[in-house]
Amino acid sequence: MARQVKTRNKVIVTIAAWAVGIAIFFPILWTVITSFKSEADAIADPPVFLFFNWTLENYVTVQERSDYFNHFMNSVVISVGSTLIGLLIAVPAAWAMAFVPGKRTKDLLMWMLSTKMLPPVGVLVPLYLIFRDIGLLDTRIGLVIVLTLINLPIIIWMLYTYFREIPGEILEAARMDGATLKAEILYVLTPMAVPGIASTLLLNIILAWNEAFWTLNLTAANAAPLTAFIASYSSPEGLFYAKLSAASTMAIAPILIMGWFSQKQLVRGLTFGAVK
């Protein structure tokens, strides 16, 4: 009887997991399929799913209208650059909070996390004016700085969580053997936390890649990433759904491919320290 209940629960959980997975993946699948439709088929009512005249016209039009490679390189530089700079700042910060905590460490962590609750539009105007005055509007450097700052609390929180799972006795042993602070972080702590650091890096690249609010408001043409590339297909005349879907597919394809190939590392990092 107990085995039957266990089997039934396992089946229910499996079905629920598949249902959630399909519900999450379906909008992506629909976007990809729509990108191969004509504009007439894209707005057909009732909608057509597979039985239509498949075409590559939207991808050809998108390539002719926009410089996809330039937008792609902007996204790569901005997302990777902001993540790497964030890690350089967050690793020593998380080390200090995990292994040399003070009385206000938890308060500081909560304060950093609370900054993510601030509506971005609330600081848009002063930040826009500052960037305009110092010449950082529509530049890769400006977006790297902004995305580093807005994602830094998440990076520090994740690394702090991972570092807390590492026994402090190992670092004490390294100090007794004469390791300097730099050597302790670089050659002892970092190698042990590679899964956590890797998952933090991957997750923040994804967050920076998908960031739309700041990239749309602080760029125009020179530093516009793929999020701006997608938004360019929304016009006062209306939405061109097929072309918009083609642009969206071209924008999300690189990050989906990266996520697919790195999923094992990401899952390993997110479960790092879960079982002692």
C-alpha atoms as a PDB file:
ATOM      1  CA  MET A   1       0.000   0.000   0.000  1.00  0.00           C
ATOM      2  CA  ALA A   2       2.784   2.410   0.942  1.00  0.00           C
ATOM      3  CA  ARG A   3       4.603   1.556  -2.295  1.00  0.00           C
ATOM      4  CA  GLN A   4       1.465   2.310  -4.320  1.00  0.00           C
ATOM      5  CA  VAL A   5       1.046   5.662  -2.614  1.00  0.00           C
ATOM      6  CA  LYS A   6       4.717   6.471  -3.237  1.00  0.00           C
ATOM      7  CA  THR A   7       4.406   5.498  -6.906  1.00  0.00           C
ATOM      8  CA  ARG A   8       1.218   7.536  -7.305  1.00  0.00           C
ATOM      9  CA  ASN A   9       2.830  10.605  -5.718  1.00  0.00           C
ATOM     10  CA  LYS A  10       5.853  10.204  -7.991  1.00  0.00           C
ATOM     11  CA  VAL A  11       3.603  10.078 -11.056  1.00  0.00           C
ATOM     12  CA  ILE A  12       1.679  13.155  -9.907  1.00  0.00           C
ATOM     13  CA  VAL A  13       4.887  15.112  -9.294  1.00  0.00           C
ATOM     14  CA  THR A  14       6.266  14.061 -12.698  1.00  0.00           C
ATOM     15  CA  ILE A  15       3.085  15.118 -14.502  1.00  0.00           C
ATOM     16  CA  ALA A  16       3.033  18.440 -12.624  1.00  0.00           C
ATOM     17  CA  ALA A  17       6.700  19.057 -13.472  1.00  0.00           C
ATOM     18  CA  TRP A  18       6.073  18.353 -17.157  1.00  0.00           C
ATOM     19  CA  ALA A  19       3.012  20.623 -17.125  1.00  0.00           C
ATOM     20  CA  VAL A  20       4.993  23.502 -15.606  1.00  0.00           C
ATOM     21  CA  GLY A  21       7.874  22.916 -18.030  1.00  0.00           C
ATOM     22  CA  ILE A  22       5.561  22.929 -21.056  1.00  0.00           C
ATOM     23  CA  ALA A  23       3.768  26.047 -19.794  1.00  0.00           C
ATOM     24  CA  ILE A  24       7.099  27.864 -19.454  1.00  0.00           C
ATOM     25  CA  PHE A  25       8.502  26.649 -22.774  1.00  0.00           C
ATOM     26  CA  PHE A  26       5.372  27.140 -24.903  1.00  0.00           C
ATOM     27  CA  PRO A  27       5.706  30.960 -25.322  1.00  0.00           C
ATOM     28  CA  ILE A  28       9.273  30.446 -26.577  1.00  0.00           C
ATOM     29  CA  LEU A  29       8.128  27.737 -28.991  1.00  0.00           C
ATOM     30  CA  TRP A  30       5.269  29.933 -30.211  1.00  0.00           C
ATOM     31  CA  THR A  31       7.679  32.847 -30.793  1.00  0.00           C
ATOM     32  CA  VAL A  32      10.030  30.647 -32.825  1.00  0.00           C
ATOM     33  CA  ILE A  33       7.185  29.237 -34.927  1.00  0.00           C
ATOM     34  CA  THR A  34       5.682  32.705 -35.499  1.00  0.00           C
ATOM     35  CA  SER A  35       9.037  33.925 -36.789  1.00  0.00           C
ATOM     36  CA  PHE A  36       8.583  31.610 -39.798  1.00  0.00           C
ATOM     37  CA  LYS A  37       5.081  32.896 -40.610  1.00  0.00           C
ATOM     38  CA  SER A  38       3.974  35.688 -42.888  1.00  0.00           C
ATOM     39  CA  GLU A  39       2.481  38.737 -41.192  1.00  0.00           C
ATOM     40  CA  ALA A  40      -0.988  37.589 -42.298  1.00  0.00           C
ATOM     41  CA  ASP A  41      -0.521  34.140 -40.744  1.00  0.00           C
ATOM     42  CA  ALA A  42       0.947  35.688 -37.576  1.00  0.00           C
ATOM     43  CA  ILE A  43      -2.282  37.580 -36.855  1.00  0.00           C
ATOM     44  CA  ALA A  44      -4.672  34.934 -38.176  1.00  0.00           C
ATOM     45  CA  ASP A  45      -7.774  34.220 -36.089  1.00  0.00           C
ATOM     46  CA  PRO A  46      -8.027  31.430 -35.133  1.00  0.00           C
ATOM     47  CA  PRO A  47      -4.247  31.123 -34.904  1.00  0.00           C
ATOM     48  CA  VAL A  48      -2.417  28.603 -37.065  1.00  0.00           C
ATOM     49  CA  PHE A  49       0.212  26.483 -35.365  1.00  0.00           C
ATOM     50  CA  LEU A  50       2.008  24.235 -37.867  1.00  0.00           C
ATOM     51  CA  PHE A  51      -0.033  24.218 -41.071  1.00  0.00           C
ATOM     52  CA  PHE A  52       1.053  27.402 -42.845  1.00  0.00           C
ATOM     53  CA  ASN A  53       3.541  28.448 -45.498  1.00  0.00           C
ATOM     54  CA  TRP A  54       6.894  28.488 -43.698  1.00  0.00           C
ATOM     55  CA  THR A  55       9.181  31.304 -44.790  1.00  0.00           C
ATOM     56  CA  LEU A  56      12.566  32.845 -43.954  1.00  0.00           C
ATOM     57  CA  GLU A  57      11.473  36.259 -45.205  1.00  0.00           C
ATOM     58  CA  ASN A  58      11.298  37.741 -41.692  1.00  0.00           C
ATOM     59  CA  TYR A  59      14.900  36.782 -40.915  1.00  0.00           C
ATOM     60  CA  VAL A  60      16.079  38.243 -44.231  1.00  0.00           C
ATOM     61  CA  THR A  61      14.188  41.479 -43.526  1.00  0.00           C
ATOM     62  CA  VAL A  62      15.569  41.720 -39.993  1.00  0.00           C
ATOM     63  CA  GLN A  63      19.130  41.192 -41.245  1.00  0.00           C
ATOM     64  CA  GLU A  64      18.708  43.845 -43.949  1.00  0.00           C
ATOM     65  CA  ARG A  65      17.101  46.376 -41.621  1.00  0.00           C
ATOM     66  CA  SER A  66      19.316  46.029 -38.546  1.00  0.00           C
ATOM     67  CA  ASP A  67      22.961  45.383 -37.747  1.00  0.00           C
ATOM     68  CA  TYR A  68      22.388  42.241 -35.705  1.00  0.00           C
ATOM     69  CA  PHE A  69      26.094  41.543 -35.149  1.00  0.00           C
ATOM     70  CA  ASN A  70      26.685  44.975 -33.620  1.00  0.00           C
ATOM     71  CA  HIS A  71      23.760  44.530 -31.212  1.00  0.00           C
ATOM     72  CA  PHE A  72      24.992  41.018 -30.410  1.00  0.00           C
ATOM     73  CA  MET A  73      28.522  42.229 -29.593  1.00  0.00           C
ATOM     74  CA  ASN A  74      27.098  45.009 -27.412  1.00  0.00           C
ATOM     75  CA  SER A  75      25.121  42.412 -25.453  1.00  0.00           C
ATOM     76  CA  VAL A  76      28.187  40.192 -25.048  1.00  0.00           C
ATOM     77  CA  VAL A  77      30.445  43.032 -23.873  1.00  0.00           C
ATOM     78  CA  ILE A  78      27.844  44.511 -21.519  1.00  0.00           C
ATOM     79  CA  SER A  79      26.673  41.240 -19.927  1.00  0.00           C
ATOM     80  CA  VAL A  80      30.080  39.576 -19.599  1.00  0.00           C
ATOM     81  CA  GLY A  81      31.853  42.800 -18.605  1.00  0.00           C
ATOM     82  CA  SER A  82      29.359  43.719 -15.885  1.00  0.00           C
ATOM     83  CA  THR A  83      29.403  40.171 -14.510  1.00  0.00           C
ATOM     84  CA  LEU A  84      33.199  39.918 -14.340  1.00  0.00           C
ATOM     85  CA  ILE A  85      33.560  43.321 -12.667  1.00  0.00           C
ATOM     86  CA  GLY A  86      30.784  42.355 -10.262  1.00  0.00           C
ATOM     87  CA  LEU A  87      32.635  39.150  -9.357  1.00  0.00           C
ATOM     88  CA  LEU A  88      35.880  41.056  -8.726  1.00  0.00           C
ATOM     89  CA  ILE A  89      34.036  43.215  -6.214  1.00  0.00           C
ATOM     90  CA  ALA A  90      31.747  40.543  -4.783  1.00  0.00           C
ATOM     91  CA  VAL A  91      34.286  37.775  -4.049  1.00  0.00           C
ATOM     92  CA  PRO A  92      36.270  39.733  -1.409  1.00  0.00           C
ATOM     93  CA  ALA A  93      33.057  41.314  -0.083  1.00  0.00           C
ATOM     94  CA  ALA A  94      31.373  37.927   0.331  1.00  0.00           C
ATOM     95  CA  TRP A  95      34.567  36.490   1.863  1.00  0.00           C
ATOM     96  CA  ALA A  96      34.617  39.237   4.489  1.00  0.00           C
ATOM     97  CA  MET A  97      30.932  38.782   5.330  1.00  0.00           C
ATOM     98  CA  ALA A  98      31.155  34.986   5.468  1.00  0.00           C
ATOM     99  CA  PHE A  99      34.417  34.554   7.409  1.00  0.00           C
ATOM    100  CA  VAL A 100      34.917  37.876   9.220  1.00  0.00           C
ATOM    101  CA  PRO A 101      31.326  38.864  10.052  1.00  0.00           C
ATOM    102  CA  GLY A 102      30.589  41.929  12.095  1.00  0.00           C
ATOM    103  CA  LYS A 103      27.636  42.871  14.249  1.00  0.00           C
ATOM    104  CA  ARG A 104      25.901  44.558  11.300  1.00  0.00           C
ATOM    105  CA  THR A 105      26.723  42.017   8.597  1.00  0.00           C
ATOM    106  CA  LYS A 106      23.182  40.643   8.361  1.00  0.00           C
ATOM    107  CA  ASP A 107      21.760  44.161   8.379  1.00  0.00           C
ATOM    108  CA  LEU A 108      24.138  45.106   5.570  1.00  0.00           C
ATOM    109  CA  LEU A 109      23.090  42.073   3.546  1.00  0.00           C
ATOM    110  CA  MET A 110      19.418  42.937   4.009  1.00  0.00           C
ATOM    111  CA  TRP A 111      20.083  46.541   3.036  1.00  0.00           C
ATOM    112  CA  MET A 112      21.831  45.432  -0.159  1.00  0.00           C
ATOM    113  CA  LEU A 113      18.935  43.140  -1.000  1.00  0.00           C
ATOM    114  CA  SER A 114      16.425  45.920  -0.313  1.00  0.00           C
ATOM    115  CA  THR A 115      17.996  48.036  -3.069  1.00  0.00           C
ATOM    116  CA  LYS A 116      16.590  45.509  -5.570  1.00  0.00           C
ATOM    117  CA  MET A 117      13.114  46.481  -4.392  1.00  0.00           C
ATOM    118  CA  LEU A 118      13.609  50.099  -5.498  1.00  0.00           C
ATOM    119  CA  PRO A 119      11.632  50.847  -8.697  1.00  0.00           C
ATOM    120  CA  PRO A 120      14.244  51.613 -11.391  1.00  0.00           C
ATOM    121  CA  VAL A 121      12.155  54.475 -12.749  1.00  0.00           C
ATOM    122  CA  GLY A 122      12.637  56.237  -9.401  1.00  0.00           C
ATOM    123  CA  VAL A 123      16.341  56.852 -10.128  1.00  0.00           C
ATOM    124  CA  LEU A 124      16.188  57.041 -13.901  1.00  0.00           C
ATOM    125  CA  VAL A 125      16.113  60.839 -14.226  1.00  0.00           C
ATOM    126  CA  PRO A 126      19.082  61.634 -11.915  1.00  0.00           C
ATOM    127  CA  LEU A 127      21.125  58.783 -13.383  1.00  0.00           C
ATOM    128  CA  TYR A 128      20.292  59.898 -16.917  1.00  0.00           C
ATOM    129  CA  LEU A 129      21.381  63.466 -16.145  1.00  0.00           C
ATOM    130  CA  ILE A 130      24.623  62.286 -14.498  1.00  0.00           C
ATOM    131  CA  PHE A 131      25.466  60.061 -17.463  1.00  0.00           C
ATOM    132  CA  ARG A 132      24.651  62.887 -19.885  1.00  0.00           C
ATOM    133  CA  ASP A 133      26.949  65.314 -18.077  1.00  0.00           C
ATOM    134  CA  ILE A 134      29.911  62.910 -17.885  1.00  0.00           C
ATOM    135  CA  GLY A 135      29.481  61.535 -21.401  1.00  0.00           C
ATOM    136  CA  LEU A 136      28.380  57.983 -20.598  1.00  0.00           C
ATOM    137  CA  LEU A 137      25.035  58.015 -22.393  1.00  0.00           C
ATOM    138  CA  ASP A 138      24.798  55.440 -25.181  1.00  0.00           C
ATOM    139  CA  THR A 139      28.139  53.861 -24.279  1.00  0.00           C
ATOM    140  CA  ARG A 140      29.082  50.307 -23.397  1.00  0.00           C
ATOM    141  CA  ILE A 141      31.022  51.535 -20.360  1.00  0.00           C
ATOM    142  CA  GLY A 142      27.957  53.302 -19.013  1.00  0.00           C
ATOM    143  CA  LEU A 143      25.780  50.209 -19.295  1.00  0.00           C
ATOM    144  CA  VAL A 144      28.500  48.009 -17.779  1.00  0.00           C
ATOM    145  CA  ILE A 145      28.617  50.323 -14.757  1.00  0.00           C
ATOM    146  CA  VAL A 146      24.822  50.366 -14.351  1.00  0.00           C
ATOM    147  CA  LEU A 147      24.345  46.611 -14.733  1.00  0.00           C
ATOM    148  CA  THR A 148      27.260  45.918 -12.385  1.00  0.00           C
ATOM    149  CA  LEU A 149      25.650  48.048  -9.700  1.00  0.00           C
ATOM    150  CA  ILE A 150      22.111  46.691 -10.066  1.00  0.00           C
ATOM    151  CA  ASN A 151      23.236  43.029 -10.073  1.00  0.00           C
ATOM    152  CA  LEU A 152      25.946  43.367  -7.418  1.00  0.00           C
ATOM    153  CA  PRO A 153      23.595  42.636  -4.465  1.00  0.00           C
ATOM    154  CA  ILE A 154      22.542  39.358  -6.090  1.00  0.00           C
ATOM    155  CA  ILE A 155      26.158  38.369  -6.799  1.00  0.00           C
ATOM    156  CA  ILE A 156      27.237  39.112  -3.228  1.00  0.00           C
ATOM    157  CA  TRP A 157      24.250  37.266  -1.746  1.00  0.00           C
ATOM    158  CA  MET A 158      24.854  34.165  -3.859  1.00  0.00           C
ATOM    159  CA  LEU A 159      28.594  34.060  -3.142  1.00  0.00           C
ATOM    160  CA  TYR A 160      27.996  34.703   0.551  1.00  0.00           C
ATOM    161  CA  THR A 161      25.640  31.700   0.635  1.00  0.00           C
ATOM    162  CA  TYR A 162      28.203  29.475  -1.096  1.00  0.00           C
ATOM    163  CA  PHE A 163      31.118  30.657   1.047  1.00  0.00           C
ATOM    164  CA  ARG A 164      29.170  29.964   4.238  1.00  0.00           C
ATOM    165  CA  GLU A 165      29.145  26.259   3.281  1.00  0.00           C
ATOM    166  CA  ILE A 166      32.960  26.109   3.213  1.00  0.00           C
ATOM    167  CA  PRO A 167      34.496  25.114   6.586  1.00  0.00           C
ATOM    168  CA  GLY A 168      36.405  28.017   8.109  1.00  0.00           C
ATOM    169  CA  GLU A 169      38.976  25.569   9.483  1.00  0.00           C
ATOM    170  CA  ILE A 170      40.374  25.105   5.972  1.00  0.00           C
ATOM    171  CA  LEU A 171      41.145  28.799   5.679  1.00  0.00           C
ATOM    172  CA  GLU A 172      42.616  28.843   9.182  1.00  0.00           C
ATOM    173  CA  ALA A 173      44.920  25.980   8.196  1.00  0.00           C
ATOM    174  CA  ALA A 174      46.015  27.952   5.139  1.00  0.00           C
ATOM    175  CA  ARG A 175      46.839  30.955   7.335  1.00  0.00           C
ATOM    176  CA  MET A 176      48.860  28.775   9.700  1.00  0.00           C
ATOM    177  CA  ASP A 177      50.851  27.584   6.680  1.00  0.00           C
ATOM    178  CA  GLY A 178      51.699  31.195   5.894  1.00  0.00           C
ATOM    179  CA  ALA A 179      49.109  31.994   3.205  1.00  0.00           C
ATOM    180  CA  THR A 180      48.535  35.697   2.655  1.00  0.00           C
ATOM    181  CA  LEU A 181      45.043  37.137   2.324  1.00  0.00           C
ATOM    182  CA  LYS A 182      45.412  37.221  -1.460  1.00  0.00           C
ATOM    183  CA  ALA A 183      46.604  33.607  -1.583  1.00  0.00           C
ATOM    184  CA  GLU A 184      43.821  32.531   0.764  1.00  0.00           C
ATOM    185  CA  ILE A 185      41.137  33.953  -1.524  1.00  0.00           C
ATOM    186  CA  LEU A 186      42.725  33.038  -4.869  1.00  0.00           C
ATOM    187  CA  TYR A 187      44.260  29.629  -4.174  1.00  0.00           C
ATOM    188  CA  VAL A 188      42.159  28.194  -1.330  1.00  0.00           C
ATOM    189  CA  LEU A 189      38.685  29.719  -1.275  1.00  0.00           C
ATOM    190  CA  THR A 190      38.071  30.283  -5.001  1.00  0.00           C
ATOM    191  CA  PRO A 191      38.932  26.725  -6.190  1.00  0.00           C
ATOM    192  CA  MET A 192      36.660  25.248  -3.519  1.00  0.00           C
ATOM    193  CA  ALA A 193      33.776  27.506  -4.539  1.00  0.00           C
ATOM    194  CA  VAL A 194      34.131  27.039  -8.316  1.00  0.00           C
ATOM    195  CA  PRO A 195      30.626  25.508  -8.738  1.00  0.00           C
ATOM    196  CA  GLY A 196      29.024  28.384  -6.844  1.00  0.00           C
ATOM    197  CA  ILE A 197      31.073  31.037  -8.633  1.00  0.00           C
ATOM    198  CA  ALA A 198      30.304  29.469 -12.022  1.00  0.00           C
ATOM    199  CA  SER A 199      26.559  29.379 -11.377  1.00  0.00           C
ATOM    200  CA  THR A 200      26.681  32.982 -10.136  1.00  0.00           C
ATOM    201  CA  LEU A 201      28.536  34.017 -13.278  1.00  0.00           C
ATOM    202  CA  LEU A 202      26.075  32.238 -15.575  1.00  0.00           C
ATOM    203  CA  LEU A 203      22.981  33.527 -13.798  1.00  0.00           C
ATOM    204  CA  ASN A 204      24.184  37.131 -13.846  1.00  0.00           C
ATOM    205  CA  ILE A 205      25.158  36.966 -17.512  1.00  0.00           C
ATOM    206  CA  ILE A 206      21.564  35.889 -18.188  1.00  0.00           C
ATOM    207  CA  LEU A 207      20.170  38.718 -16.036  1.00  0.00           C
ATOM    208  CA  ALA A 208      22.357  41.302 -17.758  1.00  0.00           C
ATOM    209  CA  TRP A 209      21.585  39.875 -21.214  1.00  0.00           C
ATOM    210  CA  ASN A 210      17.830  40.157 -20.591  1.00  0.00           C
ATOM    211  CA  GLU A 211      17.927  43.606 -18.952  1.00  0.00           C
ATOM    212  CA  ALA A 212      15.623  45.909 -20.904  1.00  0.00           C
ATOM    213  CA  PHE A 213      14.724  48.944 -18.783  1.00  0.00           C
ATOM    214  CA  TRP A 214      18.189  50.462 -18.492  1.00  0.00           C
ATOM    215  CA  THR A 215      19.362  49.439 -21.945  1.00  0.00           C
ATOM    216  CA  LEU A 216      16.336  51.066 -23.591  1.00  0.00           C
ATOM    217  CA  ASN A 217      16.591  54.292 -21.587  1.00  0.00           C
ATOM    218  CA  LEU A 218      20.360  54.823 -21.586  1.00  0.00           C
ATOM    219  CA  THR A 219      21.172  53.862 -25.177  1.00  0.00           C
ATOM    220  CA  ALA A 220      20.185  55.060 -28.628  1.00  0.00           C
ATOM    221  CA  ALA A 221      22.293  53.415 -31.332  1.00  0.00           C
ATOM    222  CA  ASN A 222      25.980  52.999 -30.523  1.00  0.00           C
ATOM    223  CA  ALA A 223      25.707  50.753 -27.445  1.00  0.00           C
ATOM    224  CA  ALA A 224      22.221  49.327 -28.020  1.00  0.00           C
ATOM    225  CA  PRO A 225      22.159  45.607 -27.132  1.00  0.00           C
ATOM    226  CA  LEU A 226      19.755  42.932 -28.357  1.00  0.00           C
ATOM    227  CA  THR A 227      16.945  44.091 -26.059  1.00  0.00           C
ATOM    228  CA  ALA A 228      16.921  47.387 -27.970  1.00  0.00           C
ATOM    229  CA  PHE A 229      17.167  45.382 -31.202  1.00  0.00           C
ATOM    230  CA  ILE A 230      13.875  43.655 -30.295  1.00  0.00           C
ATOM    231  CA  ALA A 231      12.176  46.897 -29.224  1.00  0.00           C
ATOM    232  CA  SER A 232      12.968  48.503 -32.591  1.00  0.00           C
ATOM    233  CA  TYR A 233      10.247  46.339 -34.151  1.00  0.00           C
ATOM    234  CA  SER A 234       7.556  48.082 -32.136  1.00  0.00           C
ATOM    235  CA  SER A 235       6.366  51.210 -33.937  1.00  0.00           C
ATOM    236  CA  PRO A 236       3.485  53.736 -33.744  1.00  0.00           C
ATOM    237  CA  GLU A 237       1.967  51.990 -36.764  1.00  0.00           C
ATOM    238  CA  GLY A 238       1.621  48.793 -34.739  1.00  0.00           C
ATOM    239  CA  LEU A 239       3.457  45.552 -34.070  1.00  0.00           C
ATOM    240  CA  PHE A 240       4.824  43.453 -36.888  1.00  0.00           C
ATOM    241  CA  TYR A 241       4.407  40.161 -35.055  1.00  0.00           C
ATOM    242  CA  ALA A 242       6.286  37.912 -37.473  1.00  0.00           C
ATOM    243  CA  LYS A 243       9.302  40.234 -37.737  1.00  0.00           C
ATOM    244  CA  LEU A 244       9.200  40.908 -33.996  1.00  0.00           C
ATOM    245  CA  SER A 245       9.232  37.149 -33.381  1.00  0.00           C
ATOM    246  CA  ALA A 246      12.192  36.719 -35.743  1.00  0.00           C
ATOM    247  CA  ALA A 247      14.113  39.465 -33.938  1.00  0.00           C
ATOM    248  CA  SER A 248      13.222  37.943 -30.552  1.00  0.00           C
ATOM    249  CA  THR A 249      14.354  34.486 -31.684  1.00  0.00           C
ATOM    250  CA  MET A 250      17.686  35.876 -32.893  1.00  0.00           C
ATOM    251  CA  ALA A 251      18.111  37.720 -29.587  1.00  0.00           C
ATOM    252  CA  ILE A 252      17.316  34.842 -27.231  1.00  0.00           C
ATOM    253  CA  ALA A 253      18.982  32.067 -29.247  1.00  0.00           C
ATOM    254  CA  PRO A 254      22.560  32.734 -27.983  1.00  0.00           C
ATOM    255  CA  ILE A 255      21.562  32.816 -24.315  1.00  0.00           C
ATOM    256  CA  LEU A 256      19.336  29.739 -24.703  1.00  0.00           C
ATOM    257  CA  ILE A 257      22.189  27.810 -26.305  1.00  0.00           C
ATOM    258  CA  MET A 258      24.572  28.890 -23.551  1.00  0.00           C
ATOM    259  CA  GLY A 259      22.056  27.907 -20.892  1.00  0.00           C
ATOM    260  CA  TRP A 260      21.473  24.519 -22.519  1.00  0.00           C
ATOM    261  CA  PHE A 261      25.161  23.603 -22.615  1.00  0.00           C
ATOM    262  CA  SER A 262      25.849  24.934 -19.113  1.00  0.00           C
ATOM    263  CA  GLN A 263      22.735  23.590 -17.380  1.00  0.00           C
ATOM    264  CA  LYS A 264      24.637  20.872 -15.505  1.00  0.00           C
ATOM    265  CA  GLN A 265      27.114  23.410 -14.149  1.00  0.00           C
ATOM    266  CA  LEU A 266      24.288  25.780 -13.256  1.00  0.00           C
ATOM    267  CA  VAL A 267      22.303  23.124 -11.380  1.00  0.00           C
ATOM    268  CA  ARG A 268      25.473  21.899  -9.654  1.00  0.00           C
ATOM    269  CA  GLY A 269      26.253  25.412  -8.495  1.00  0.00           C
ATOM    270  CA  LEU A 270      22.716  26.178  -7.339  1.00  0.00           C
ATOM    271  CA  THR A 271      22.726  22.980  -5.207  1.00  0.00           C
ATOM    272  CA  PHE A 272      26.286  23.546  -3.960  1.00  0.00           C
ATOM    273  CA  GLY A 273      26.388  22.868  -0.232  1.00  0.00           C
ATOM    274  CA  ALA A 274      22.811  21.599  -0.125  1.00  0.00           C
ATOM    275  CA  VAL A 275      23.938  18.242   1.294  1.00  0.00           C
ATOM    276  CA  LYS A 276      26.641  18.143   3.922  1.00  0.00           C
END
